[in-house]
Amino acid sequence: MTDTLVTYTQKDKIGLISFNRPDKLNTLNREIIPSFREIIGRIRSDKELRCLIITGSGTTFCGGADLKSGFEKNHGEFLSEALMEFYRPYLEIGSIKVPVIAAINGHAIGGGFGITLLCDIRVADRKAKMGANFTRLGLHSGMAISYILPRLVGLARANELLFTGRLITGEEAAALGLVNYAVDKEAVMDKALALAKEIAQSAPAAVQMMKRSVYEGLDWNPVRAAAMEAQNQARTFEMEDAKEGISAVLEKRTPNFTGR
């Protein structure tokens, strides 16, 4: 499956999903969705799987939505539903029964950052940039980021990151408790595999029940939160600030926001 936009391999009861658009910084577009959905379906039916790792090919984990693809256009009043459908396959990461580890081998921005938050454990390149840069694009966040982030780092720190749209390094993320480990780039996958193998040695039914207990105890519902975010994100996409923010990123300049 090396010629697909998302690859999946499995060895020793450990699965590995890799976003495979290295020339596009592994950004997300509509063409990726069928492959990702098919892989998730296969994982759900695999009763032998003990742990799953998600990473990116090349030097980046995932650069978020492909802003050049125009995925947000031509939906009119149904934009919020289209955005939710765009995010839904990745939200299904949260429903996978086995533990999921994000091997953040490079930058994880916007929606790519959201994918890491949906995982249970995170190992990051200490120098990789991570964060929810939506406000710097004139947008509201998506993929339940505004719901998950405060639960991981606390309200005040989450507010700071969300309101400023600032990116942080993997090392800073570890200091915040956002990632479990920040290591050298070449050690990310080795560390993720070591954790996966350690998990795979534990009793699988107990691990899966433990995971379910943890999230049920938190009253965890990122899908509901993402649906609310999709409505707010759709509204911001229709504003002049979003057009300006996206244009500024593509043109590599500082945006001039007006609040409209």
C-alpha atoms as a PDB file:
ATOM      1  CA  MET A   1       0.000   0.000   0.000  1.00  0.00           C
ATOM      2  CA  THR A   2       3.025   2.279  -0.392  1.00  0.00           C
ATOM      3  CA  ASP A   3       1.430   4.139  -3.292  1.00  0.00           C
ATOM      4  CA  THR A   4      -1.629   5.283  -1.327  1.00  0.00           C
ATOM      5  CA  LEU A   5      -2.256   8.556   0.499  1.00  0.00           C
ATOM      6  CA  VAL A   6      -2.438   6.694   3.825  1.00  0.00           C
ATOM      7  CA  THR A   7      -0.531   3.472   4.460  1.00  0.00           C
ATOM      8  CA  TYR A   8      -1.144   0.719   6.984  1.00  0.00           C
ATOM      9  CA  THR A   9       1.143  -2.080   8.108  1.00  0.00           C
ATOM     10  CA  GLN A  10       0.887  -4.534  10.992  1.00  0.00           C
ATOM     11  CA  LYS A  11       3.586  -6.532  12.711  1.00  0.00           C
ATOM     12  CA  ASP A  12       3.678  -8.395  16.015  1.00  0.00           C
ATOM     13  CA  LYS A  13       0.111  -7.302  16.821  1.00  0.00           C
ATOM     14  CA  ILE A  14       1.054  -3.610  16.469  1.00  0.00           C
ATOM     15  CA  GLY A  15      -0.524  -1.541  13.696  1.00  0.00           C
ATOM     16  CA  LEU A  16       1.056   1.482  12.010  1.00  0.00           C
ATOM     17  CA  ILE A  17      -0.896   4.149  10.118  1.00  0.00           C
ATOM     18  CA  SER A  18       1.193   6.678   8.200  1.00  0.00           C
ATOM     19  CA  PHE A  19      -0.037   9.764   6.381  1.00  0.00           C
ATOM     20  CA  ASN A  20       1.689   9.557   3.017  1.00  0.00           C
ATOM     21  CA  ARG A  21       1.746  12.952   1.299  1.00  0.00           C
ATOM     22  CA  PRO A  22       5.273  14.001   2.272  1.00  0.00           C
ATOM     23  CA  ASP A  23       5.557  16.456  -0.629  1.00  0.00           C
ATOM     24  CA  LYS A  24       2.412  18.216   0.723  1.00  0.00           C
ATOM     25  CA  LEU A  25       3.477  18.082   4.395  1.00  0.00           C
ATOM     26  CA  ASN A  26       0.946  15.250   4.871  1.00  0.00           C
ATOM     27  CA  THR A  27      -1.884  17.777   4.766  1.00  0.00           C
ATOM     28  CA  LEU A  28      -5.461  16.482   4.778  1.00  0.00           C
ATOM     29  CA  ASN A  29      -7.775  16.634   1.771  1.00  0.00           C
ATOM     30  CA  ARG A  30     -10.921  14.804   0.671  1.00  0.00           C
ATOM     31  CA  GLU A  31      -8.965  12.227  -1.322  1.00  0.00           C
ATOM     32  CA  ILE A  32      -7.405  10.846   1.879  1.00  0.00           C
ATOM     33  CA  ILE A  33     -10.738  10.144   3.583  1.00  0.00           C
ATOM     34  CA  PRO A  34     -11.721   6.869   1.797  1.00  0.00           C
ATOM     35  CA  SER A  35      -8.323   5.283   2.486  1.00  0.00           C
ATOM     36  CA  PHE A  36      -8.310   6.392   6.120  1.00  0.00           C
ATOM     37  CA  ARG A  37     -11.885   5.194   6.679  1.00  0.00           C
ATOM     38  CA  GLU A  38     -11.075   1.794   5.121  1.00  0.00           C
ATOM     39  CA  ILE A  39      -8.021   1.402   7.351  1.00  0.00           C
ATOM     40  CA  ILE A  40      -9.997   2.267  10.495  1.00  0.00           C
ATOM     41  CA  GLY A  41     -12.599  -0.330   9.526  1.00  0.00           C
ATOM     42  CA  ARG A  42      -9.909  -2.952   9.101  1.00  0.00           C
ATOM     43  CA  ILE A  43      -8.402  -2.090  12.482  1.00  0.00           C
ATOM     44  CA  ARG A  44     -11.782  -2.416  14.202  1.00  0.00           C
ATOM     45  CA  SER A  45     -12.228  -5.937  12.851  1.00  0.00           C
ATOM     46  CA  ASP A  46      -8.725  -7.077  13.798  1.00  0.00           C
ATOM     47  CA  LYS A  47      -9.170  -9.004  17.056  1.00  0.00           C
ATOM     48  CA  GLU A  48      -5.435  -9.715  17.328  1.00  0.00           C
ATOM     49  CA  LEU A  49      -4.322  -6.073  17.355  1.00  0.00           C
ATOM     50  CA  ARG A  50      -2.893  -4.894  20.680  1.00  0.00           C
ATOM     51  CA  CYS A  51      -1.794  -1.318  19.926  1.00  0.00           C
ATOM     52  CA  LEU A  52      -1.888   1.229  17.087  1.00  0.00           C
ATOM     53  CA  ILE A  53       0.687   3.885  16.145  1.00  0.00           C
ATOM     54  CA  ILE A  54      -0.126   6.875  13.932  1.00  0.00           C
ATOM     55  CA  THR A  55       2.675   8.851  12.259  1.00  0.00           C
ATOM     56  CA  GLY A  56       3.555  10.749   9.100  1.00  0.00           C
ATOM     57  CA  SER A  57       5.883   9.879   6.236  1.00  0.00           C
ATOM     58  CA  GLY A  58       8.806  12.140   5.487  1.00  0.00           C
ATOM     59  CA  THR A  59       9.660  14.949   7.880  1.00  0.00           C
ATOM     60  CA  THR A  60       6.163  16.043   8.995  1.00  0.00           C
ATOM     61  CA  PHE A  61       3.457  14.360  11.067  1.00  0.00           C
ATOM     62  CA  CYS A  62       0.524  16.293   9.547  1.00  0.00           C
ATOM     63  CA  GLY A  63       0.258  19.918   8.465  1.00  0.00           C
ATOM     64  CA  GLY A  64      -3.532  20.059   8.938  1.00  0.00           C
ATOM     65  CA  ALA A  65      -6.057  20.768   6.212  1.00  0.00           C
ATOM     66  CA  ASP A  66      -4.727  21.382   2.720  1.00  0.00           C
ATOM     67  CA  LEU A  67      -5.640  25.053   2.325  1.00  0.00           C
ATOM     68  CA  LYS A  68      -4.860  24.904  -1.396  1.00  0.00           C
ATOM     69  CA  SER A  69      -7.488  22.230  -2.009  1.00  0.00           C
ATOM     70  CA  GLY A  70     -10.461  24.531  -1.328  1.00  0.00           C
ATOM     71  CA  PHE A  71     -12.145  21.819   0.747  1.00  0.00           C
ATOM     72  CA  GLU A  72     -14.321  24.416   2.508  1.00  0.00           C
ATOM     73  CA  LYS A  73     -15.872  25.905  -0.637  1.00  0.00           C
ATOM     74  CA  ASN A  74     -19.155  25.359  -2.484  1.00  0.00           C
ATOM     75  CA  HIS A  75     -21.238  24.078   0.412  1.00  0.00           C
ATOM     76  CA  GLY A  76     -23.361  27.133   1.198  1.00  0.00           C
ATOM     77  CA  GLU A  77     -25.526  26.709   4.258  1.00  0.00           C
ATOM     78  CA  PHE A  78     -24.353  23.115   4.633  1.00  0.00           C
ATOM     79  CA  LEU A  79     -20.702  24.011   5.238  1.00  0.00           C
ATOM     80  CA  SER A  80     -20.882  22.976   8.896  1.00  0.00           C
ATOM     81  CA  GLU A  81     -22.079  19.494   7.874  1.00  0.00           C
ATOM     82  CA  ALA A  82     -19.338  19.259   5.251  1.00  0.00           C
ATOM     83  CA  LEU A  83     -16.707  20.221   7.811  1.00  0.00           C
ATOM     84  CA  MET A  84     -18.006  17.587  10.217  1.00  0.00           C
ATOM     85  CA  GLU A  85     -17.863  14.953   7.488  1.00  0.00           C
ATOM     86  CA  PHE A  86     -14.300  16.032   6.731  1.00  0.00           C
ATOM     87  CA  TYR A  87     -13.289  15.519  10.382  1.00  0.00           C
ATOM     88  CA  ARG A  88     -15.427  12.469  11.168  1.00  0.00           C
ATOM     89  CA  PRO A  89     -13.000   9.739   9.964  1.00  0.00           C
ATOM     90  CA  TYR A  90     -10.257  11.143  12.186  1.00  0.00           C
ATOM     91  CA  LEU A  91     -12.615  11.494  15.143  1.00  0.00           C
ATOM     92  CA  GLU A  92     -13.101   7.733  14.863  1.00  0.00           C
ATOM     93  CA  ILE A  93      -9.583   7.349  16.242  1.00  0.00           C
ATOM     94  CA  GLY A  94     -11.174   7.945  19.629  1.00  0.00           C
ATOM     95  CA  SER A  95     -13.430   4.911  19.240  1.00  0.00           C
ATOM     96  CA  ILE A  96     -10.623   2.424  18.560  1.00  0.00           C
ATOM     97  CA  LYS A  97     -10.598  -0.139  21.374  1.00  0.00           C
ATOM     98  CA  VAL A  98      -6.837  -0.622  21.602  1.00  0.00           C
ATOM     99  CA  PRO A  99      -4.455   2.120  22.813  1.00  0.00           C
ATOM    100  CA  VAL A 100      -3.366   4.565  20.115  1.00  0.00           C
ATOM    101  CA  ILE A 101       0.052   6.233  20.155  1.00  0.00           C
ATOM    102  CA  ALA A 102       0.857   9.358  18.131  1.00  0.00           C
ATOM    103  CA  ALA A 103       4.463   9.213  16.906  1.00  0.00           C
ATOM    104  CA  ILE A 104       4.860  12.925  16.166  1.00  0.00           C
ATOM    105  CA  ASN A 105       7.928  12.776  13.940  1.00  0.00           C
ATOM    106  CA  GLY A 106       7.574  16.366  12.730  1.00  0.00           C
ATOM    107  CA  HIS A 107       5.245  19.360  12.706  1.00  0.00           C
ATOM    108  CA  ALA A 108       1.621  18.728  13.780  1.00  0.00           C
ATOM    109  CA  ILE A 109      -0.429  21.806  12.957  1.00  0.00           C
ATOM    110  CA  GLY A 110      -4.167  22.586  13.037  1.00  0.00           C
ATOM    111  CA  GLY A 111      -6.091  19.437  12.183  1.00  0.00           C
ATOM    112  CA  GLY A 112      -2.848  17.455  12.411  1.00  0.00           C
ATOM    113  CA  PHE A 113      -2.491  18.675  15.985  1.00  0.00           C
ATOM    114  CA  GLY A 114      -6.099  17.614  16.564  1.00  0.00           C
ATOM    115  CA  ILE A 115      -5.288  14.081  15.402  1.00  0.00           C
ATOM    116  CA  THR A 116      -2.512  13.842  17.997  1.00  0.00           C
ATOM    117  CA  LEU A 117      -4.950  14.937  20.714  1.00  0.00           C
ATOM    118  CA  LEU A 118      -7.328  12.116  19.762  1.00  0.00           C
ATOM    119  CA  CYS A 119      -4.596   9.579  20.498  1.00  0.00           C
ATOM    120  CA  ASP A 120      -4.073   8.114  23.963  1.00  0.00           C
ATOM    121  CA  ILE A 121      -0.308   8.600  24.220  1.00  0.00           C
ATOM    122  CA  ARG A 122       1.991  11.046  22.413  1.00  0.00           C
ATOM    123  CA  VAL A 123       5.707  10.855  21.588  1.00  0.00           C
ATOM    124  CA  ALA A 124       7.088  13.960  19.875  1.00  0.00           C
ATOM    125  CA  ASP A 125      10.181  15.189  18.109  1.00  0.00           C
ATOM    126  CA  ARG A 126      11.511  17.690  20.647  1.00  0.00           C
ATOM    127  CA  LYS A 127      11.997  20.333  17.927  1.00  0.00           C
ATOM    128  CA  ALA A 128       8.729  19.753  16.053  1.00  0.00           C
ATOM    129  CA  LYS A 129       6.224  22.606  15.988  1.00  0.00           C
ATOM    130  CA  MET A 130       2.769  21.779  17.329  1.00  0.00           C
ATOM    131  CA  GLY A 131      -0.396  23.734  17.907  1.00  0.00           C
ATOM    132  CA  ALA A 132      -3.821  25.025  16.976  1.00  0.00           C
ATOM    133  CA  ASN A 133      -3.074  28.024  14.752  1.00  0.00           C
ATOM    134  CA  PHE A 134      -6.708  28.589  13.747  1.00  0.00           C
ATOM    135  CA  THR A 135      -7.102  32.131  15.108  1.00  0.00           C
ATOM    136  CA  ARG A 136      -4.095  33.192  13.045  1.00  0.00           C
ATOM    137  CA  LEU A 137      -6.069  32.048  10.011  1.00  0.00           C
ATOM    138  CA  GLY A 138      -9.201  33.891  11.123  1.00  0.00           C
ATOM    139  CA  LEU A 139     -10.896  30.599  11.991  1.00  0.00           C
ATOM    140  CA  HIS A 140     -12.471  28.718  14.868  1.00  0.00           C
ATOM    141  CA  SER A 141     -10.850  25.381  15.698  1.00  0.00           C
ATOM    142  CA  GLY A 142     -12.219  22.008  14.572  1.00  0.00           C
ATOM    143  CA  MET A 143     -11.809  18.307  15.385  1.00  0.00           C
ATOM    144  CA  ALA A 144     -12.799  18.885  19.046  1.00  0.00           C
ATOM    145  CA  ILE A 145      -9.523  20.676  19.816  1.00  0.00           C
ATOM    146  CA  SER A 146     -11.204  23.293  22.029  1.00  0.00           C
ATOM    147  CA  TYR A 147     -12.796  20.416  23.983  1.00  0.00           C
ATOM    148  CA  ILE A 148      -9.756  18.155  24.403  1.00  0.00           C
ATOM    149  CA  LEU A 149      -6.935  20.644  24.947  1.00  0.00           C
ATOM    150  CA  PRO A 150      -8.224  22.139  28.256  1.00  0.00           C
ATOM    151  CA  ARG A 151      -8.673  18.608  29.582  1.00  0.00           C
ATOM    152  CA  LEU A 152      -5.030  17.843  28.862  1.00  0.00           C
ATOM    153  CA  VAL A 153      -3.178  20.995  29.917  1.00  0.00           C
ATOM    154  CA  GLY A 154      -5.703  22.921  32.044  1.00  0.00           C
ATOM    155  CA  LEU A 155      -7.982  25.828  31.194  1.00  0.00           C
ATOM    156  CA  ALA A 156      -5.581  28.777  31.428  1.00  0.00           C
ATOM    157  CA  ARG A 157      -2.841  27.175  29.334  1.00  0.00           C
ATOM    158  CA  ALA A 158      -5.331  25.927  26.762  1.00  0.00           C
ATOM    159  CA  ASN A 159      -6.873  29.397  26.521  1.00  0.00           C
ATOM    160  CA  GLU A 160      -3.467  30.925  25.885  1.00  0.00           C
ATOM    161  CA  LEU A 161      -2.658  28.469  23.106  1.00  0.00           C
ATOM    162  CA  LEU A 162      -6.100  28.686  21.495  1.00  0.00           C
ATOM    163  CA  PHE A 163      -6.491  32.476  21.666  1.00  0.00           C
ATOM    164  CA  THR A 164      -2.983  33.247  20.386  1.00  0.00           C
ATOM    165  CA  GLY A 165      -2.758  30.430  17.850  1.00  0.00           C
ATOM    166  CA  ARG A 166       0.842  30.043  18.977  1.00  0.00           C
ATOM    167  CA  LEU A 167       2.870  27.006  17.989  1.00  0.00           C
ATOM    168  CA  ILE A 168       5.044  25.291  20.579  1.00  0.00           C
ATOM    169  CA  THR A 169       7.863  22.795  20.297  1.00  0.00           C
ATOM    170  CA  GLY A 170       7.640  19.162  21.294  1.00  0.00           C
ATOM    171  CA  GLU A 171       9.887  19.974  24.239  1.00  0.00           C
ATOM    172  CA  GLU A 172       7.493  22.707  25.411  1.00  0.00           C
ATOM    173  CA  ALA A 173       4.571  20.320  24.903  1.00  0.00           C
ATOM    174  CA  ALA A 174       6.242  17.778  27.197  1.00  0.00           C
ATOM    175  CA  ALA A 175       6.705  20.447  29.872  1.00  0.00           C
ATOM    176  CA  LEU A 176       2.954  21.165  29.666  1.00  0.00           C
ATOM    177  CA  GLY A 177       2.101  17.481  29.951  1.00  0.00           C
ATOM    178  CA  LEU A 178       0.681  17.559  26.434  1.00  0.00           C
ATOM    179  CA  VAL A 179       3.000  14.826  25.185  1.00  0.00           C
ATOM    180  CA  ASN A 180       4.407  11.911  27.181  1.00  0.00           C
ATOM    181  CA  TYR A 181       7.907  12.119  25.728  1.00  0.00           C
ATOM    182  CA  ALA A 182       9.922  14.622  23.681  1.00  0.00           C
ATOM    183  CA  VAL A 183      12.939  12.968  22.071  1.00  0.00           C
ATOM    184  CA  ASP A 184      15.302  13.478  19.162  1.00  0.00           C
ATOM    185  CA  LYS A 185      13.563  13.182  15.801  1.00  0.00           C
ATOM    186  CA  GLU A 186      15.274   9.921  14.865  1.00  0.00           C
ATOM    187  CA  ALA A 187      14.210   8.361  18.186  1.00  0.00           C
ATOM    188  CA  VAL A 188      10.473   9.104  17.921  1.00  0.00           C
ATOM    189  CA  MET A 189       9.431   5.880  16.219  1.00  0.00           C
ATOM    190  CA  ASP A 190      11.744   3.751  18.354  1.00  0.00           C
ATOM    191  CA  LYS A 191      10.181   5.174  21.516  1.00  0.00           C
ATOM    192  CA  ALA A 192       6.637   4.762  20.172  1.00  0.00           C
ATOM    193  CA  LEU A 193       7.361   1.141  19.214  1.00  0.00           C
ATOM    194  CA  ALA A 194       8.880   0.430  22.627  1.00  0.00           C
ATOM    195  CA  LEU A 195       5.716   1.724  24.304  1.00  0.00           C
ATOM    196  CA  ALA A 196       3.515  -0.243  21.901  1.00  0.00           C
ATOM    197  CA  LYS A 197       5.446  -3.457  22.602  1.00  0.00           C
ATOM    198  CA  GLU A 198       5.138  -2.870  26.347  1.00  0.00           C
ATOM    199  CA  ILE A 199       1.376  -2.405  25.981  1.00  0.00           C
ATOM    200  CA  ALA A 200       1.158  -5.499  23.754  1.00  0.00           C
ATOM    201  CA  GLN A 201       2.653  -7.588  26.556  1.00  0.00           C
ATOM    202  CA  SER A 202      -0.255  -6.717  28.857  1.00  0.00           C
ATOM    203  CA  ALA A 203      -3.517  -8.668  28.909  1.00  0.00           C
ATOM    204  CA  PRO A 204      -5.464  -7.293  25.912  1.00  0.00           C
ATOM    205  CA  ALA A 205      -8.962  -7.498  27.405  1.00  0.00           C
ATOM    206  CA  ALA A 206      -7.811  -5.750  30.588  1.00  0.00           C
ATOM    207  CA  VAL A 207      -6.084  -2.999  28.600  1.00  0.00           C
ATOM    208  CA  GLN A 208      -9.145  -2.380  26.441  1.00  0.00           C
ATOM    209  CA  MET A 209     -11.474  -2.311  29.431  1.00  0.00           C
ATOM    210  CA  MET A 210      -9.070   0.029  31.218  1.00  0.00           C
ATOM    211  CA  LYS A 211      -9.099   2.406  28.260  1.00  0.00           C
ATOM    212  CA  ARG A 212     -12.905   2.372  28.199  1.00  0.00           C
ATOM    213  CA  SER A 213     -13.092   3.011  31.952  1.00  0.00           C
ATOM    214  CA  VAL A 214     -10.715   5.979  31.743  1.00  0.00           C
ATOM    215  CA  TYR A 215     -12.749   7.779  29.094  1.00  0.00           C
ATOM    216  CA  GLU A 216     -16.150   6.899  30.505  1.00  0.00           C
ATOM    217  CA  GLY A 217     -14.979   8.295  33.823  1.00  0.00           C
ATOM    218  CA  LEU A 218     -14.163  11.574  32.072  1.00  0.00           C
ATOM    219  CA  ASP A 219     -17.599  11.685  30.379  1.00  0.00           C
ATOM    220  CA  TRP A 220     -15.598  11.886  27.150  1.00  0.00           C
ATOM    221  CA  ASN A 221     -17.501  13.003  24.017  1.00  0.00           C
ATOM    222  CA  PRO A 222     -15.249  14.714  21.442  1.00  0.00           C
ATOM    223  CA  VAL A 223     -17.623  13.887  18.576  1.00  0.00           C
ATOM    224  CA  ARG A 224     -20.378  16.009  20.125  1.00  0.00           C
ATOM    225  CA  ALA A 225     -17.871  18.801  20.739  1.00  0.00           C
ATOM    226  CA  ALA A 226     -16.602  18.587  17.160  1.00  0.00           C
ATOM    227  CA  ALA A 227     -20.156  19.027  15.818  1.00  0.00           C
ATOM    228  CA  MET A 228     -20.447  22.275  17.787  1.00  0.00           C
ATOM    229  CA  GLU A 229     -17.043  23.387  16.555  1.00  0.00           C
ATOM    230  CA  ALA A 230     -18.043  22.676  12.951  1.00  0.00           C
ATOM    231  CA  GLN A 231     -20.887  25.181  13.244  1.00  0.00           C
ATOM    232  CA  ASN A 232     -18.568  27.870  14.614  1.00  0.00           C
ATOM    233  CA  GLN A 233     -15.838  27.056  12.130  1.00  0.00           C
ATOM    234  CA  ALA A 234     -18.309  27.322   9.258  1.00  0.00           C
ATOM    235  CA  ARG A 235     -19.329  30.793  10.431  1.00  0.00           C
ATOM    236  CA  THR A 236     -15.721  31.973  10.560  1.00  0.00           C
ATOM    237  CA  PHE A 237     -14.991  30.537   7.116  1.00  0.00           C
ATOM    238  CA  GLU A 238     -17.642  32.922   5.753  1.00  0.00           C
ATOM    239  CA  MET A 239     -15.947  35.991   7.260  1.00  0.00           C
ATOM    240  CA  GLU A 240     -13.501  38.337   5.574  1.00  0.00           C
ATOM    241  CA  ASP A 241     -10.899  37.592   8.247  1.00  0.00           C
ATOM    242  CA  ALA A 242     -10.747  33.948   7.173  1.00  0.00           C
ATOM    243  CA  LYS A 243     -10.210  34.897   3.545  1.00  0.00           C
ATOM    244  CA  GLU A 244      -7.473  37.280   4.643  1.00  0.00           C
ATOM    245  CA  GLY A 245      -5.876  34.766   7.014  1.00  0.00           C
ATOM    246  CA  ILE A 246      -5.750  31.946   4.479  1.00  0.00           C
ATOM    247  CA  SER A 247      -4.474  34.259   1.752  1.00  0.00           C
ATOM    248  CA  ALA A 248      -1.783  35.557   4.078  1.00  0.00           C
ATOM    249  CA  VAL A 249      -0.555  32.033   4.850  1.00  0.00           C
ATOM    250  CA  LEU A 250      -0.457  31.055   1.186  1.00  0.00           C
ATOM    251  CA  GLU A 251       1.297  34.328   0.304  1.00  0.00           C
ATOM    252  CA  LYS A 252       3.654  34.025   3.309  1.00  0.00           C
ATOM    253  CA  ARG A 253       2.819  37.417   4.790  1.00  0.00           C
ATOM    254  CA  THR A 254       1.341  38.822   7.994  1.00  0.00           C
ATOM    255  CA  PRO A 255      -2.494  38.972   7.908  1.00  0.00           C
ATOM    256  CA  ASN A 256      -4.402  42.203   8.434  1.00  0.00           C
ATOM    257  CA  PHE A 257      -7.518  41.241  10.385  1.00  0.00           C
ATOM    258  CA  THR A 258     -10.465  43.667  10.650  1.00  0.00           C
ATOM    259  CA  GLY A 259     -12.970  41.700  12.733  1.00  0.00           C
ATOM    260  CA  ARG A 260     -15.339  41.228   9.814  1.00  0.00           C
END
